[in-house]
N, C-alpha and C. Protein backbone atom coordinates (compact mmCIF):
# COMPACT_ATOMS: atom_id res chain seq x y z
N MET A 1 108.62 88.11 111.85
CA MET A 1 108.21 89.44 112.30
C MET A 1 108.20 89.52 113.82
N ASP A 2 107.84 88.41 114.45
CA ASP A 2 107.81 88.38 115.91
C ASP A 2 109.22 88.56 116.50
N ARG A 3 110.20 87.93 115.85
CA ARG A 3 111.59 88.07 116.32
C ARG A 3 112.08 89.50 116.18
N LEU A 4 111.64 90.17 115.11
CA LEU A 4 112.02 91.56 114.88
C LEU A 4 111.43 92.46 115.97
N ARG A 5 110.18 92.22 116.34
CA ARG A 5 109.56 92.99 117.42
C ARG A 5 110.27 92.75 118.75
N THR A 6 110.64 91.49 119.00
CA THR A 6 111.36 91.15 120.23
C THR A 6 112.71 91.85 120.27
N LEU A 7 113.43 91.82 119.15
CA LEU A 7 114.71 92.51 119.07
C LEU A 7 114.53 94.01 119.24
N GLY A 8 113.52 94.57 118.59
CA GLY A 8 113.25 96.00 118.72
C GLY A 8 112.95 96.40 120.16
N GLY A 9 112.16 95.59 120.85
CA GLY A 9 111.85 95.85 122.26
C GLY A 9 113.10 95.78 123.13
N TRP A 10 113.95 94.78 122.85
CA TRP A 10 115.19 94.65 123.61
C TRP A 10 116.10 95.85 123.37
N LEU A 11 116.23 96.27 122.12
CA LEU A 11 117.06 97.43 121.79
C LEU A 11 116.50 98.71 122.43
N ALA A 12 115.19 98.85 122.45
CA ALA A 12 114.57 100.03 123.07
C ALA A 12 114.88 100.07 124.57
N ARG A 13 114.82 98.92 125.22
CA ARG A 13 115.14 98.88 126.66
C ARG A 13 116.62 99.19 126.90
N ARG A 14 117.50 98.73 126.03
CA ARG A 14 118.93 99.04 126.18
C ARG A 14 119.18 100.52 125.96
N ALA A 15 118.48 101.13 125.01
CA ALA A 15 118.62 102.58 124.79
C ALA A 15 118.17 103.34 126.03
N GLU A 16 117.09 102.88 126.67
CA GLU A 16 116.64 103.51 127.92
C GLU A 16 117.69 103.35 129.00
N ASN A 17 118.33 102.16 129.06
CA ASN A 17 119.39 101.92 130.04
C ASN A 17 120.56 102.88 129.83
N VAL A 18 120.96 103.08 128.58
CA VAL A 18 122.05 104.00 128.27
C VAL A 18 121.67 105.42 128.70
N LEU A 19 120.43 105.81 128.41
CA LEU A 19 119.96 107.14 128.79
C LEU A 19 119.97 107.32 130.30
N VAL A 20 119.55 106.31 131.03
CA VAL A 20 119.56 106.36 132.49
C VAL A 20 120.99 106.49 133.01
N LEU A 21 121.91 105.75 132.42
CA LEU A 21 123.32 105.84 132.83
C LEU A 21 123.89 107.23 132.58
N MET A 22 123.55 107.82 131.43
CA MET A 22 124.03 109.17 131.13
C MET A 22 123.44 110.18 132.13
N LEU A 23 122.15 110.05 132.42
CA LEU A 23 121.51 110.95 133.37
C LEU A 23 122.10 110.78 134.77
N GLY A 24 122.34 109.54 135.17
CA GLY A 24 122.97 109.28 136.48
C GLY A 24 124.37 109.87 136.56
N ALA A 25 125.14 109.71 135.47
CA ALA A 25 126.49 110.28 135.45
C ALA A 25 126.43 111.80 135.50
N MET A 26 125.50 112.40 134.77
CA MET A 26 125.38 113.86 134.80
C MET A 26 125.01 114.34 136.20
N PHE A 27 124.10 113.64 136.86
CA PHE A 27 123.71 114.02 138.22
C PHE A 27 124.89 113.88 139.19
N ALA A 28 125.64 112.78 139.09
CA ALA A 28 126.78 112.57 139.97
C ALA A 28 127.83 113.66 139.78
N VAL A 29 128.12 114.01 138.54
CA VAL A 29 129.10 115.05 138.25
C VAL A 29 128.60 116.40 138.74
N PHE A 30 127.31 116.64 138.60
CA PHE A 30 126.71 117.89 139.08
C PHE A 30 126.85 118.00 140.60
N ILE A 31 126.58 116.93 141.32
CA ILE A 31 126.72 116.93 142.78
C ILE A 31 128.18 117.11 143.16
N LEU A 32 129.08 116.46 142.44
CA LEU A 32 130.51 116.63 142.69
C LEU A 32 130.93 118.08 142.50
N GLN A 33 130.40 118.71 141.47
CA GLN A 33 130.69 120.11 141.20
C GLN A 33 130.22 120.98 142.37
N ILE A 34 129.06 120.73 142.89
CA ILE A 34 128.54 121.50 144.03
C ILE A 34 129.40 121.30 145.26
N VAL A 35 129.77 120.06 145.53
CA VAL A 35 130.61 119.77 146.70
C VAL A 35 131.94 120.50 146.60
N PHE A 36 132.59 120.39 145.46
CA PHE A 36 133.90 121.03 145.31
C PHE A 36 133.81 122.55 145.35
N ARG A 37 132.78 123.11 144.71
CA ARG A 37 132.68 124.56 144.63
C ARG A 37 132.25 125.18 145.95
N TYR A 38 131.21 124.65 146.56
CA TYR A 38 130.61 125.32 147.71
C TYR A 38 131.04 124.76 149.07
N MET A 39 131.43 123.51 149.11
CA MET A 39 131.84 122.95 150.40
C MET A 39 133.36 122.99 150.59
N LEU A 40 134.09 122.73 149.52
CA LEU A 40 135.55 122.71 149.61
C LEU A 40 136.19 123.98 149.07
N ASN A 41 135.39 124.85 148.46
CA ASN A 41 135.87 126.10 147.88
C ASN A 41 136.99 125.85 146.86
N LEU A 42 136.83 124.78 146.08
CA LEU A 42 137.78 124.41 145.03
C LEU A 42 137.02 124.19 143.72
N PRO A 43 136.67 125.25 143.02
CA PRO A 43 135.90 125.07 141.78
C PRO A 43 136.70 124.28 140.75
N ILE A 44 136.04 123.33 140.13
CA ILE A 44 136.68 122.53 139.08
C ILE A 44 135.84 122.66 137.80
N GLY A 45 136.50 122.84 136.68
CA GLY A 45 135.81 123.12 135.43
C GLY A 45 135.38 121.88 134.66
N TRP A 46 136.08 120.77 134.84
CA TRP A 46 135.76 119.60 134.04
C TRP A 46 134.36 119.06 134.34
N THR A 47 133.86 119.29 135.55
CA THR A 47 132.52 118.81 135.88
C THR A 47 131.46 119.55 135.07
N HIS A 48 131.65 120.84 134.89
CA HIS A 48 130.72 121.61 134.06
C HIS A 48 130.77 121.13 132.61
N GLU A 49 131.97 120.88 132.14
CA GLU A 49 132.14 120.41 130.76
C GLU A 49 131.43 119.08 130.54
N ILE A 50 131.60 118.16 131.46
CA ILE A 50 130.94 116.85 131.34
C ILE A 50 129.43 117.02 131.42
N SER A 51 128.95 117.88 132.31
CA SER A 51 127.51 118.10 132.43
C SER A 51 126.92 118.63 131.12
N VAL A 52 127.58 119.56 130.50
CA VAL A 52 127.08 120.14 129.24
C VAL A 52 127.10 119.09 128.13
N ILE A 53 128.18 118.34 128.02
CA ILE A 53 128.28 117.31 126.99
C ILE A 53 127.22 116.23 127.21
N LEU A 54 127.06 115.80 128.44
CA LEU A 54 126.04 114.79 128.72
C LEU A 54 124.64 115.31 128.45
N TRP A 55 124.38 116.57 128.77
CA TRP A 55 123.06 117.13 128.48
C TRP A 55 122.77 117.10 126.98
N LEU A 56 123.75 117.49 126.18
CA LEU A 56 123.60 117.44 124.72
C LEU A 56 123.31 116.02 124.26
N TRP A 57 124.07 115.07 124.77
CA TRP A 57 123.89 113.68 124.37
C TRP A 57 122.56 113.12 124.88
N ILE A 58 122.16 113.48 126.08
CA ILE A 58 120.89 113.00 126.63
C ILE A 58 119.73 113.47 125.76
N VAL A 59 119.72 114.74 125.41
CA VAL A 59 118.61 115.29 124.62
C VAL A 59 118.56 114.63 123.24
N LEU A 60 119.67 114.57 122.53
CA LEU A 60 119.65 114.04 121.17
C LEU A 60 119.52 112.52 121.14
N PHE A 61 120.21 111.81 122.02
CA PHE A 61 120.11 110.36 122.08
C PHE A 61 118.70 109.96 122.50
N GLY A 62 118.17 110.65 123.52
CA GLY A 62 116.82 110.34 123.98
C GLY A 62 115.78 110.60 122.91
N SER A 63 115.92 111.69 122.20
CA SER A 63 114.98 112.02 121.14
C SER A 63 115.06 111.02 120.00
N ALA A 64 116.25 110.57 119.68
CA ALA A 64 116.44 109.66 118.55
C ALA A 64 116.04 108.22 118.88
N PHE A 65 116.34 107.75 120.09
CA PHE A 65 116.22 106.32 120.37
C PHE A 65 115.25 105.94 121.48
N VAL A 66 114.80 106.90 122.27
CA VAL A 66 113.96 106.54 123.43
C VAL A 66 112.55 107.11 123.32
N THR A 67 112.41 108.36 122.92
CA THR A 67 111.09 109.00 122.86
C THR A 67 110.22 108.31 121.82
N ARG A 68 109.02 107.95 122.23
CA ARG A 68 108.06 107.33 121.32
C ARG A 68 107.33 108.41 120.53
N GLU A 69 106.75 108.00 119.42
CA GLU A 69 106.04 108.94 118.56
C GLU A 69 104.89 109.61 119.31
N SER A 70 104.22 108.86 120.16
CA SER A 70 103.09 109.42 120.91
C SER A 70 103.53 110.42 121.97
N GLU A 71 104.81 110.44 122.31
CA GLU A 71 105.33 111.36 123.32
C GLU A 71 105.89 112.65 122.73
N GLU A 72 105.89 112.74 121.41
CA GLU A 72 106.42 113.93 120.77
C GLU A 72 105.46 115.11 120.94
N ILE A 73 106.01 116.29 120.89
CA ILE A 73 105.21 117.50 121.06
C ILE A 73 104.43 117.78 119.78
N ARG A 74 103.15 118.06 119.94
CA ARG A 74 102.32 118.47 118.81
C ARG A 74 101.34 119.53 119.29
N PHE A 75 100.64 120.11 118.35
CA PHE A 75 99.56 121.04 118.67
C PHE A 75 98.31 120.21 118.92
N ASP A 76 98.18 119.71 120.14
CA ASP A 76 97.11 118.77 120.45
C ASP A 76 95.71 119.34 120.22
N ILE A 77 95.54 120.63 120.41
CA ILE A 77 94.22 121.22 120.21
C ILE A 77 93.80 121.06 118.75
N VAL A 78 94.70 121.36 117.84
CA VAL A 78 94.41 121.22 116.41
C VAL A 78 94.35 119.74 116.04
N TYR A 79 95.29 118.99 116.50
CA TYR A 79 95.42 117.58 116.16
C TYR A 79 94.19 116.79 116.59
N SER A 80 93.68 117.07 117.79
CA SER A 80 92.52 116.36 118.30
C SER A 80 91.22 116.82 117.67
N ALA A 81 91.21 118.02 117.14
CA ALA A 81 89.99 118.58 116.56
C ALA A 81 89.70 118.06 115.17
N VAL A 82 90.68 117.46 114.53
CA VAL A 82 90.49 116.98 113.16
C VAL A 82 90.24 115.48 113.15
N GLY A 83 89.75 114.99 112.04
CA GLY A 83 89.46 113.57 111.90
C GLY A 83 90.69 112.74 111.59
N ARG A 84 90.46 111.45 111.50
CA ARG A 84 91.53 110.49 111.25
C ARG A 84 92.25 110.78 109.93
N ARG A 85 91.50 111.07 108.89
CA ARG A 85 92.11 111.34 107.58
C ARG A 85 93.01 112.58 107.64
N ALA A 86 92.56 113.64 108.29
CA ALA A 86 93.38 114.86 108.41
C ALA A 86 94.62 114.58 109.24
N ARG A 87 94.52 113.76 110.28
CA ARG A 87 95.71 113.39 111.07
C ARG A 87 96.70 112.62 110.22
N ARG A 88 96.18 111.77 109.34
CA ARG A 88 97.08 111.03 108.43
C ARG A 88 97.80 111.99 107.50
N VAL A 89 97.07 112.95 106.94
CA VAL A 89 97.69 113.94 106.05
C VAL A 89 98.73 114.75 106.81
N MET A 90 98.39 115.17 108.02
CA MET A 90 99.35 115.93 108.85
C MET A 90 100.59 115.10 109.12
N ALA A 91 100.40 113.81 109.40
CA ALA A 91 101.54 112.93 109.67
C ALA A 91 102.42 112.78 108.44
N VAL A 92 101.82 112.64 107.26
CA VAL A 92 102.60 112.49 106.03
C VAL A 92 103.36 113.77 105.73
N VAL A 93 102.70 114.92 105.84
CA VAL A 93 103.35 116.21 105.56
C VAL A 93 104.49 116.45 106.54
N THR A 94 104.23 116.20 107.83
CA THR A 94 105.28 116.38 108.84
C THR A 94 106.46 115.46 108.57
N ALA A 95 106.17 114.19 108.30
CA ALA A 95 107.24 113.22 108.03
C ALA A 95 108.06 113.63 106.81
N ALA A 96 107.39 114.02 105.75
CA ALA A 96 108.10 114.42 104.52
C ALA A 96 108.98 115.64 104.78
N ALA A 97 108.43 116.63 105.48
CA ALA A 97 109.21 117.85 105.75
C ALA A 97 110.43 117.53 106.60
N LEU A 98 110.25 116.72 107.63
CA LEU A 98 111.39 116.41 108.51
C LEU A 98 112.44 115.55 107.81
N VAL A 99 111.99 114.60 107.00
CA VAL A 99 112.95 113.78 106.25
C VAL A 99 113.77 114.66 105.32
N VAL A 100 113.11 115.58 104.63
CA VAL A 100 113.82 116.48 103.71
C VAL A 100 114.80 117.36 104.49
N LEU A 101 114.35 117.96 105.59
CA LEU A 101 115.22 118.86 106.35
C LEU A 101 116.42 118.14 106.95
N TYR A 102 116.19 116.97 107.56
CA TYR A 102 117.31 116.23 108.15
C TYR A 102 118.26 115.73 107.06
N THR A 103 117.71 115.31 105.92
CA THR A 103 118.55 114.82 104.83
C THR A 103 119.40 115.94 104.26
N ILE A 104 118.81 117.12 104.11
CA ILE A 104 119.57 118.28 103.61
C ILE A 104 120.67 118.66 104.60
N SER A 105 120.38 118.60 105.90
CA SER A 105 121.36 119.03 106.90
C SER A 105 122.47 118.01 107.13
N LEU A 106 122.22 116.76 106.81
CA LEU A 106 123.17 115.69 107.14
C LEU A 106 124.56 115.86 106.51
N PRO A 107 124.68 116.12 105.21
CA PRO A 107 126.04 116.27 104.66
C PRO A 107 126.82 117.44 105.27
N ALA A 108 126.14 118.57 105.46
CA ALA A 108 126.82 119.73 106.05
C ALA A 108 127.23 119.43 107.49
N MET A 109 126.37 118.77 108.22
CA MET A 109 126.70 118.44 109.61
C MET A 109 127.82 117.41 109.68
N ALA A 110 127.81 116.45 108.76
CA ALA A 110 128.90 115.46 108.72
C ALA A 110 130.24 116.16 108.44
N ASP A 111 130.23 117.12 107.53
CA ASP A 111 131.45 117.89 107.26
C ASP A 111 131.88 118.67 108.50
N TYR A 112 130.91 119.28 109.18
CA TYR A 112 131.22 120.06 110.38
C TYR A 112 131.79 119.17 111.49
N VAL A 113 131.15 118.03 111.72
CA VAL A 113 131.64 117.11 112.75
C VAL A 113 133.05 116.64 112.40
N SER A 114 133.28 116.31 111.16
CA SER A 114 134.60 115.88 110.71
C SER A 114 135.64 116.99 110.90
N PHE A 115 135.26 118.21 110.55
CA PHE A 115 136.15 119.35 110.69
C PHE A 115 136.51 119.61 112.16
N MET A 116 135.56 119.38 113.06
CA MET A 116 135.76 119.72 114.47
C MET A 116 136.74 118.79 115.19
N LYS A 117 137.30 117.81 114.51
CA LYS A 117 138.30 116.95 115.15
C LYS A 117 139.57 117.73 115.49
N VAL A 118 139.75 118.89 114.88
CA VAL A 118 140.94 119.69 115.16
C VAL A 118 140.78 120.52 116.44
N GLU A 119 139.55 120.74 116.89
CA GLU A 119 139.30 121.50 118.12
C GLU A 119 139.09 120.55 119.29
N ARG A 120 139.47 121.00 120.47
CA ARG A 120 139.31 120.17 121.67
C ARG A 120 138.61 120.96 122.76
N THR A 121 137.95 120.23 123.66
CA THR A 121 137.26 120.89 124.77
C THR A 121 138.30 121.48 125.72
N ALA A 122 137.87 122.45 126.52
CA ALA A 122 138.79 123.23 127.35
C ALA A 122 139.49 122.41 128.44
N TYR A 123 138.75 121.58 129.16
CA TYR A 123 139.33 120.90 130.32
C TYR A 123 139.76 119.47 130.02
N LEU A 124 138.90 118.70 129.39
CA LEU A 124 139.19 117.29 129.17
C LEU A 124 139.93 117.02 127.86
N LYS A 125 140.03 118.05 127.03
CA LYS A 125 140.73 117.95 125.74
C LYS A 125 140.12 116.87 124.84
N LEU A 126 138.80 116.70 124.93
CA LEU A 126 138.11 115.77 124.04
C LEU A 126 137.95 116.42 122.68
N PRO A 127 138.16 115.66 121.61
CA PRO A 127 137.93 116.24 120.28
C PRO A 127 136.44 116.60 120.13
N PHE A 128 136.16 117.76 119.59
CA PHE A 128 134.78 118.20 119.45
C PHE A 128 133.99 117.32 118.49
N ASN A 129 134.66 116.59 117.60
CA ASN A 129 133.89 115.70 116.74
C ASN A 129 133.25 114.58 117.56
N TRP A 130 133.84 114.19 118.68
CA TRP A 130 133.20 113.21 119.57
C TRP A 130 131.97 113.82 120.22
N VAL A 131 132.08 115.08 120.60
CA VAL A 131 130.97 115.76 121.27
C VAL A 131 129.79 115.89 120.31
N TYR A 132 130.04 116.29 119.07
CA TYR A 132 128.96 116.57 118.13
C TYR A 132 128.53 115.35 117.31
N ALA A 133 129.21 114.24 117.44
CA ALA A 133 128.87 113.05 116.65
C ALA A 133 127.45 112.56 116.92
N ILE A 134 126.93 112.84 118.09
CA ILE A 134 125.58 112.40 118.42
C ILE A 134 124.55 113.00 117.46
N TYR A 135 124.83 114.19 116.91
CA TYR A 135 123.86 114.77 115.98
C TYR A 135 123.70 113.89 114.74
N LEU A 136 124.78 113.29 114.28
CA LEU A 136 124.70 112.42 113.10
C LEU A 136 123.80 111.22 113.38
N ALA A 137 123.99 110.60 114.55
CA ALA A 137 123.13 109.47 114.93
C ALA A 137 121.69 109.92 115.07
N PHE A 138 121.48 111.10 115.67
CA PHE A 138 120.14 111.65 115.82
C PHE A 138 119.48 111.88 114.46
N ALA A 139 120.21 112.49 113.54
CA ALA A 139 119.64 112.80 112.23
C ALA A 139 119.30 111.53 111.45
N VAL A 140 120.20 110.56 111.46
CA VAL A 140 119.94 109.30 110.74
C VAL A 140 118.76 108.56 111.37
N ALA A 141 118.72 108.50 112.70
CA ALA A 141 117.59 107.84 113.38
C ALA A 141 116.29 108.58 113.12
N SER A 142 116.33 109.90 113.08
CA SER A 142 115.12 110.68 112.81
C SER A 142 114.64 110.48 111.38
N ILE A 143 115.56 110.42 110.44
CA ILE A 143 115.18 110.15 109.04
C ILE A 143 114.49 108.80 108.96
N ALA A 144 115.08 107.78 109.58
CA ALA A 144 114.49 106.43 109.54
C ALA A 144 113.12 106.43 110.23
N ARG A 145 113.01 107.09 111.37
CA ARG A 145 111.75 107.14 112.11
C ARG A 145 110.65 107.80 111.28
N TYR A 146 110.96 108.95 110.68
CA TYR A 146 109.92 109.67 109.95
C TYR A 146 109.61 109.03 108.60
N LEU A 147 110.55 108.33 108.01
CA LEU A 147 110.22 107.52 106.83
C LEU A 147 109.20 106.45 107.22
N TRP A 148 109.45 105.79 108.35
CA TRP A 148 108.55 104.75 108.83
C TRP A 148 107.18 105.33 109.19
N LEU A 149 107.14 106.43 109.93
CA LEU A 149 105.87 107.04 110.32
C LEU A 149 105.09 107.55 109.11
N GLY A 150 105.79 108.14 108.15
CA GLY A 150 105.15 108.61 106.93
C GLY A 150 104.59 107.45 106.12
N TRP A 151 105.36 106.38 106.03
CA TRP A 151 104.91 105.19 105.31
C TRP A 151 103.65 104.61 105.96
N ARG A 152 103.67 104.51 107.29
CA ARG A 152 102.50 103.99 108.01
C ARG A 152 101.28 104.88 107.80
N ALA A 153 101.48 106.19 107.83
CA ALA A 153 100.36 107.11 107.63
C ALA A 153 99.80 106.99 106.21
N MET A 154 100.67 106.83 105.22
CA MET A 154 100.19 106.67 103.85
C MET A 154 99.43 105.36 103.67
N ARG A 155 99.78 104.36 104.45
CA ARG A 155 99.10 103.06 104.35
C ARG A 155 97.83 103.00 105.19
N GLY A 156 97.49 104.10 105.87
CA GLY A 156 96.21 104.14 106.57
C GLY A 156 96.28 104.15 108.08
N ASN A 157 97.48 104.07 108.65
CA ASN A 157 97.62 104.09 110.11
C ASN A 157 97.81 105.52 110.59
N ALA A 158 96.71 106.15 110.94
CA ALA A 158 96.79 107.53 111.44
C ALA A 158 97.23 107.51 112.89
N PRO A 159 98.04 108.45 113.29
CA PRO A 159 98.36 108.56 114.72
C PRO A 159 97.08 108.82 115.51
N GLU A 160 97.04 108.30 116.71
CA GLU A 160 95.86 108.46 117.55
C GLU A 160 95.70 109.91 117.97
N ALA A 161 94.45 110.30 118.14
CA ALA A 161 94.14 111.64 118.64
C ALA A 161 94.52 111.72 120.11
N PHE A 162 94.89 112.88 120.56
CA PHE A 162 95.24 113.09 121.96
C PHE A 162 93.99 112.97 122.81
N ASP A 163 94.07 112.20 123.87
CA ASP A 163 92.95 112.03 124.79
C ASP A 163 93.35 112.65 126.12
N PRO A 164 92.80 113.83 126.46
CA PRO A 164 93.21 114.51 127.69
C PRO A 164 92.86 113.73 128.95
N THR A 165 91.92 112.79 128.85
CA THR A 165 91.58 112.01 130.05
C THR A 165 92.63 110.97 130.36
N LYS A 166 93.51 110.70 129.40
CA LYS A 166 94.59 109.73 129.61
C LYS A 166 95.94 110.40 129.80
N ALA A 167 95.94 111.73 129.86
CA ALA A 167 97.19 112.46 130.01
C ALA A 167 97.75 112.21 131.39
N GLY A 168 99.05 112.12 131.45
CA GLY A 168 99.73 111.92 132.73
C GLY A 168 100.95 112.79 132.81
N SER A 169 101.60 112.70 133.92
CA SER A 169 102.79 113.52 134.13
C SER A 169 104.01 112.88 133.50
N GLY A 170 103.90 111.64 133.04
CA GLY A 170 105.04 110.95 132.48
C GLY A 170 105.81 110.18 133.54
N VAL A 171 105.35 110.27 134.78
CA VAL A 171 106.02 109.58 135.87
C VAL A 171 105.36 108.26 136.13
């Protein structure tokens, strides 16, 4: 079990590294777009395309592989006002609903991603199935995450209540 935790920690750090690289690339392309458009008066479209694709990948990849359960958005006022047992029930209901929704959407999205191989992006001519493939990874990772969180909640591990005295900016 210790080796599994070590591997999980290593994989989590690598996912953060990938996310940082994507964010750095998006920032560099964004600056390049500004330089070409406003300083050289030569607007280029591929920079916008890369920025949009990277933003999509950053949001879904980050949500699937980097964001921790405690960092997810919840109704903290309600969540903190209830007891441990109610938080467990809320966690189980939320996990079940999300597993069902992502599982239902997965076959249709897989068909859509597969179908989109015939379409290409405007400037870089990337197949759209490459662009949208991140949703499949996101959905599968989310299903696995919420199965795990639901299982833990059913076994008695309620998510911690929000403590406003420990809130930070995330920086």
